Amino acid sequence: MMASILLYLDPGSGSMLVQALIASFLTIGVFFNQIKYAVLGLFGKKRPEEEEVTND
């Protein structure tokens, strides 16, 4: 009886759980993207939007 009560997930907490999972994945993605550009910056590489565009 107690196990069935603990497994109940109402729509409010379910949507909060989905929102937390999406936010976690996006945060992890941005974090590793920043780490990648920090490491590339150590080797003198620029971000794609920082590269100079030359028009001949």
PDB file of N, CA and C in Angstrom:
ATOM      1  N   MET A   1       0.827  -1.198   0.000  1.00  0.00           N
ATOM      2  CA  MET A   1       0.000   0.000   0.000  1.00  0.00           C
ATOM      3  C   MET A   1       0.870   1.261   0.000  1.00  0.00           C
ATOM      4  N   MET A   2       1.937   1.279   0.804  1.00  0.00           N
ATOM      5  CA  MET A   2       2.783   2.453   0.897  1.00  0.00           C
ATOM      6  C   MET A   2       3.555   2.694  -0.406  1.00  0.00           C
ATOM      7  N   ALA A   3       3.962   1.645  -1.109  1.00  0.00           N
ATOM      8  CA  ALA A   3       4.732   1.793  -2.344  1.00  0.00           C
ATOM      9  C   ALA A   3       3.896   2.465  -3.427  1.00  0.00           C
ATOM     10  N   SER A   4       2.617   2.172  -3.505  1.00  0.00           N
ATOM     11  CA  SER A   4       1.778   2.791  -4.527  1.00  0.00           C
ATOM     12  C   SER A   4       1.544   4.274  -4.243  1.00  0.00           C
ATOM     13  N   ILE A   5       1.578   4.672  -3.010  1.00  0.00           N
ATOM     14  CA  ILE A   5       1.421   6.082  -2.653  1.00  0.00           C
ATOM     15  C   ILE A   5       2.679   6.862  -3.021  1.00  0.00           C
ATOM     16  N   LEU A   6       3.849   6.286  -2.802  1.00  0.00           N
ATOM     17  CA  LEU A   6       5.105   6.967  -3.090  1.00  0.00           C
ATOM     18  C   LEU A   6       5.376   7.072  -4.592  1.00  0.00           C
ATOM     19  N   LEU A   7       4.729   6.260  -5.405  1.00  0.00           N
ATOM     20  CA  LEU A   7       4.961   6.283  -6.840  1.00  0.00           C
ATOM     21  C   LEU A   7       4.040   7.245  -7.575  1.00  0.00           C
ATOM     22  N   TYR A   8       3.154   7.918  -6.886  1.00  0.00           N
ATOM     23  CA  TYR A   8       2.228   8.842  -7.522  1.00  0.00           C
ATOM     24  C   TYR A   8       2.968  10.099  -7.973  1.00  0.00           C
ATOM     25  N   LEU A   9       2.735  10.509  -9.196  1.00  0.00           N
ATOM     26  CA  LEU A   9       3.388  11.687  -9.759  1.00  0.00           C
ATOM     27  C   LEU A   9       2.307  12.544 -10.408  1.00  0.00           C
ATOM     28  N   ASP A  10       1.985  13.655  -9.779  1.00  0.00           N
ATOM     29  CA  ASP A  10       0.939  14.510 -10.327  1.00  0.00           C
ATOM     30  C   ASP A  10       1.510  15.364 -11.471  1.00  0.00           C
ATOM     31  N   PRO A  11       0.644  15.971 -12.279  1.00  0.00           N
ATOM     32  CA  PRO A  11       1.111  16.737 -13.443  1.00  0.00           C
ATOM     33  C   PRO A  11       2.027  17.904 -13.086  1.00  0.00           C
ATOM     34  N   GLY A  12       1.805  18.540 -11.961  1.00  0.00           N
ATOM     35  CA  GLY A  12       2.641  19.673 -11.570  1.00  0.00           C
ATOM     36  C   GLY A  12       4.075  19.259 -11.294  1.00  0.00           C
ATOM     37  N   SER A  13       4.246  18.198 -10.512  1.00  0.00           N
ATOM     38  CA  SER A  13       5.608  17.755 -10.216  1.00  0.00           C
ATOM     39  C   SER A  13       6.230  17.050 -11.414  1.00  0.00           C
ATOM     40  N   GLY A  14       5.417  16.444 -12.259  1.00  0.00           N
ATOM     41  CA  GLY A  14       5.941  15.817 -13.474  1.00  0.00           C
ATOM     42  C   GLY A  14       6.503  16.849 -14.434  1.00  0.00           C
ATOM     43  N   SER A  15       5.784  17.952 -14.617  1.00  0.00           N
ATOM     44  CA  SER A  15       6.284  18.999 -15.511  1.00  0.00           C
ATOM     45  C   SER A  15       7.495  19.691 -14.909  1.00  0.00           C
ATOM     46  N   MET A  16       7.549  19.796 -13.584  1.00  0.00           N
ATOM     47  CA  MET A  16       8.722  20.384 -12.942  1.00  0.00           C
ATOM     48  C   MET A  16       9.941  19.476 -13.133  1.00  0.00           C
ATOM     49  N   LEU A  17       9.725  18.175 -13.070  1.00  0.00           N
ATOM     50  CA  LEU A  17      10.804  17.223 -13.279  1.00  0.00           C
ATOM     51  C   LEU A  17      11.319  17.301 -14.714  1.00  0.00           C
ATOM     52  N   VAL A  18      10.425  17.384 -15.686  1.00  0.00           N
ATOM     53  CA  VAL A  18      10.826  17.511 -17.086  1.00  0.00           C
ATOM     54  C   VAL A  18      11.587  18.813 -17.300  1.00  0.00           C
ATOM     55  N   GLN A  19      11.120  19.902 -16.732  1.00  0.00           N
ATOM     56  CA  GLN A  19      11.791  21.188 -16.858  1.00  0.00           C
ATOM     57  C   GLN A  19      13.188  21.143 -16.238  1.00  0.00           C
ATOM     58  N   ALA A  20      13.324  20.492 -15.095  1.00  0.00           N
ATOM     59  CA  ALA A  20      14.632  20.382 -14.440  1.00  0.00           C
ATOM     60  C   ALA A  20      15.594  19.548 -15.282  1.00  0.00           C
ATOM     61  N   LEU A  21      15.100  18.482 -15.904  1.00  0.00           N
ATOM     62  CA  LEU A  21      15.955  17.657 -16.752  1.00  0.00           C
ATOM     63  C   LEU A  21      16.422  18.422 -17.981  1.00  0.00           C
ATOM     64  N   ILE A  22      15.524  19.153 -18.623  1.00  0.00           N
ATOM     65  CA  ILE A  22      15.893  19.941 -19.805  1.00  0.00           C
ATOM     66  C   ILE A  22      16.911  21.012 -19.423  1.00  0.00           C
ATOM     67  N   ALA A  23      16.678  21.695 -18.317  1.00  0.00           N
ATOM     68  CA  ALA A  23      17.606  22.735 -17.865  1.00  0.00           C
ATOM     69  C   ALA A  23      18.969  22.139 -17.520  1.00  0.00           C
ATOM     70  N   SER A  24      18.980  20.953 -16.937  1.00  0.00           N
ATOM     71  CA  SER A  24      20.245  20.298 -16.600  1.00  0.00           C
ATOM     72  C   SER A  24      21.048  19.965 -17.851  1.00  0.00           C
ATOM     73  N   PHE A  25      20.389  19.402 -18.857  1.00  0.00           N
ATOM     74  CA  PHE A  25      21.093  19.059 -20.103  1.00  0.00           C
ATOM     75  C   PHE A  25      21.617  20.300 -20.803  1.00  0.00           C
ATOM     76  N   LEU A  26      20.840  21.364 -20.836  1.00  0.00           N
ATOM     77  CA  LEU A  26      21.294  22.590 -21.483  1.00  0.00           C
ATOM     78  C   LEU A  26      22.454  23.225 -20.711  1.00  0.00           C
ATOM     79  N   THR A  27      22.389  23.192 -19.396  1.00  0.00           N
ATOM     80  CA  THR A  27      23.467  23.747 -18.577  1.00  0.00           C
ATOM     81  C   THR A  27      24.760  22.973 -18.784  1.00  0.00           C
ATOM     82  N   ILE A  28      24.665  21.662 -18.827  1.00  0.00           N
ATOM     83  CA  ILE A  28      25.854  20.843 -19.060  1.00  0.00           C
ATOM     84  C   ILE A  28      26.435  21.125 -20.444  1.00  0.00           C
ATOM     85  N   GLY A  29      25.577  21.281 -21.445  1.00  0.00           N
ATOM     86  CA  GLY A  29      26.045  21.582 -22.798  1.00  0.00           C
ATOM     87  C   GLY A  29      26.762  22.916 -22.874  1.00  0.00           C
ATOM     88  N   VAL A  30      26.204  23.948 -22.259  1.00  0.00           N
ATOM     89  CA  VAL A  30      26.834  25.273 -22.269  1.00  0.00           C
ATOM     90  C   VAL A  30      28.145  25.232 -21.490  1.00  0.00           C
ATOM     91  N   PHE A  31      28.171  24.516 -20.380  1.00  0.00           N
ATOM     92  CA  PHE A  31      29.381  24.415 -19.572  1.00  0.00           C
ATOM     93  C   PHE A  31      30.526  23.818 -20.375  1.00  0.00           C
ATOM     94  N   PHE A  32      30.273  22.690 -21.047  1.00  0.00           N
ATOM     95  CA  PHE A  32      31.338  22.052 -21.807  1.00  0.00           C
ATOM     96  C   PHE A  32      31.715  22.855 -23.045  1.00  0.00           C
ATOM     97  N   ASN A  33      30.779  23.603 -23.595  1.00  0.00           N
ATOM     98  CA  ASN A  33      31.095  24.478 -24.716  1.00  0.00           C
ATOM     99  C   ASN A  33      32.051  25.584 -24.262  1.00  0.00           C
ATOM    100  N   GLN A  34      31.813  26.153 -23.089  1.00  0.00           N
ATOM    101  CA  GLN A  34      32.699  27.178 -22.557  1.00  0.00           C
ATOM    102  C   GLN A  34      34.086  26.606 -22.252  1.00  0.00           C
ATOM    103  N   ILE A  35      34.133  25.399 -21.727  1.00  0.00           N
ATOM    104  CA  ILE A  35      35.417  24.745 -21.454  1.00  0.00           C
ATOM    105  C   ILE A  35      36.174  24.519 -22.758  1.00  0.00           C
ATOM    106  N   LYS A  36      35.461  24.112 -23.812  1.00  0.00           N
ATOM    107  CA  LYS A  36      36.097  23.869 -25.104  1.00  0.00           C
ATOM    108  C   LYS A  36      36.733  25.143 -25.637  1.00  0.00           C
ATOM    109  N   TYR A  37      36.019  26.261 -25.569  1.00  0.00           N
ATOM    110  CA  TYR A  37      36.565  27.515 -26.079  1.00  0.00           C
ATOM    111  C   TYR A  37      37.675  28.056 -25.180  1.00  0.00           C
ATOM    112  N   ALA A  38      37.643  27.757 -23.903  1.00  0.00           N
ATOM    113  CA  ALA A  38      38.726  28.169 -23.013  1.00  0.00           C
ATOM    114  C   ALA A  38      40.010  27.413 -23.361  1.00  0.00           C
ATOM    115  N   VAL A  39      39.883  26.120 -23.632  1.00  0.00           N
ATOM    116  CA  VAL A  39      41.049  25.321 -24.007  1.00  0.00           C
ATOM    117  C   VAL A  39      41.563  25.755 -25.375  1.00  0.00           C
ATOM    118  N   LEU A  40      40.669  25.993 -26.326  1.00  0.00           N
ATOM    119  CA  LEU A  40      41.099  26.462 -27.639  1.00  0.00           C
ATOM    120  C   LEU A  40      41.753  27.836 -27.541  1.00  0.00           C
ATOM    121  N   GLY A  41      41.297  28.670 -26.624  1.00  0.00           N
ATOM    122  CA  GLY A  41      41.891  29.989 -26.425  1.00  0.00           C
ATOM    123  C   GLY A  41      43.317  29.902 -25.923  1.00  0.00           C
ATOM    124  N   LEU A  42      43.630  28.848 -25.176  1.00  0.00           N
ATOM    125  CA  LEU A  42      44.999  28.661 -24.706  1.00  0.00           C
ATOM    126  C   LEU A  42      45.954  28.416 -25.870  1.00  0.00           C
ATOM    127  N   PHE A  43      45.446  27.831 -26.944  1.00  0.00           N
ATOM    128  CA  PHE A  43      46.271  27.524 -28.103  1.00  0.00           C
ATOM    129  C   PHE A  43      46.167  28.585 -29.188  1.00  0.00           C
ATOM    130  N   GLY A  44      45.540  29.708 -28.885  1.00  0.00           N
ATOM    131  CA  GLY A  44      45.483  30.818 -29.818  1.00  0.00           C
ATOM    132  C   GLY A  44      44.372  30.736 -30.842  1.00  0.00           C
ATOM    133  N   LYS A  45      43.467  29.807 -30.695  1.00  0.00           N
ATOM    134  CA  LYS A  45      42.342  29.704 -31.621  1.00  0.00           C
ATOM    135  C   LYS A  45      41.262  30.690 -31.210  1.00  0.00           C
ATOM    136  N   LYS A  46      40.553  31.234 -32.190  1.00  0.00           N
ATOM    137  CA  LYS A  46      39.461  32.160 -31.906  1.00  0.00           C
ATOM    138  C   LYS A  46      38.127  31.455 -32.100  1.00  0.00           C
ATOM    139  N   ARG A  47      37.102  32.018 -31.490  1.00  0.00           N
ATOM    140  CA  ARG A  47      35.751  31.519 -31.722  1.00  0.00           C
ATOM    141  C   ARG A  47      35.355  31.838 -33.153  1.00  0.00           C
ATOM    142  N   PRO A  48      34.477  31.066 -33.742  1.00  0.00           N
ATOM    143  CA  PRO A  48      34.093  31.313 -35.142  1.00  0.00           C
ATOM    144  C   PRO A  48      33.571  32.723 -35.396  1.00  0.00           C
ATOM    145  N   GLU A  49      32.812  33.311 -34.473  1.00  0.00           N
ATOM    146  CA  GLU A  49      32.270  34.644 -34.711  1.00  0.00           C
ATOM    147  C   GLU A  49      33.329  35.731 -34.520  1.00  0.00           C
ATOM    148  N   GLU A  50      34.484  35.391 -33.921  1.00  0.00           N
ATOM    149  CA  GLU A  50      35.543  36.363 -33.712  1.00  0.00           C
ATOM    150  C   GLU A  50      36.552  36.392 -34.855  1.00  0.00           C
ATOM    151  N   GLU A  51      36.494  35.415 -35.762  1.00  0.00           N
ATOM    152  CA  GLU A  51      37.432  35.376 -36.864  1.00  0.00           C
ATOM    153  C   GLU A  51      37.143  36.510 -37.824  1.00  0.00           C
ATOM    154  N   GLU A  52      38.191  37.074 -38.353  1.00  0.00           N
ATOM    155  CA  GLU A  52      38.026  38.202 -39.261  1.00  0.00           C
ATOM    156  C   GLU A  52      37.587  37.714 -40.634  1.00  0.00           C
ATOM    157  N   VAL A  53      36.679  38.460 -41.233  1.00  0.00           N
ATOM    158  CA  VAL A  53      36.200  38.146 -42.573  1.00  0.00           C
ATOM    159  C   VAL A  53      36.811  39.174 -43.515  1.00  0.00           C
ATOM    160  N   THR A  54      37.495  38.679 -44.530  1.00  0.00           N
ATOM    161  CA  THR A  54      38.110  39.589 -45.486  1.00  0.00           C
ATOM    162  C   THR A  54      37.320  39.558 -46.784  1.00  0.00           C
ATOM    163  N   ASN A  55      36.988  40.728 -47.275  1.00  0.00           N
ATOM    164  CA  ASN A  55      36.281  40.847 -48.549  1.00  0.00           C
ATOM    165  C   ASN A  55      37.247  41.360 -49.595  1.00  0.00           C
ATOM    166  N   ASP A  56      37.503  40.554 -50.613  1.00  0.00           N
ATOM    167  CA  ASP A  56      38.430  40.962 -51.673  1.00  0.00           C
ATOM    168  C   ASP A  56      37.701  41.564 -52.826  1.00  0.00           C
TER     169      ASP A  56
END
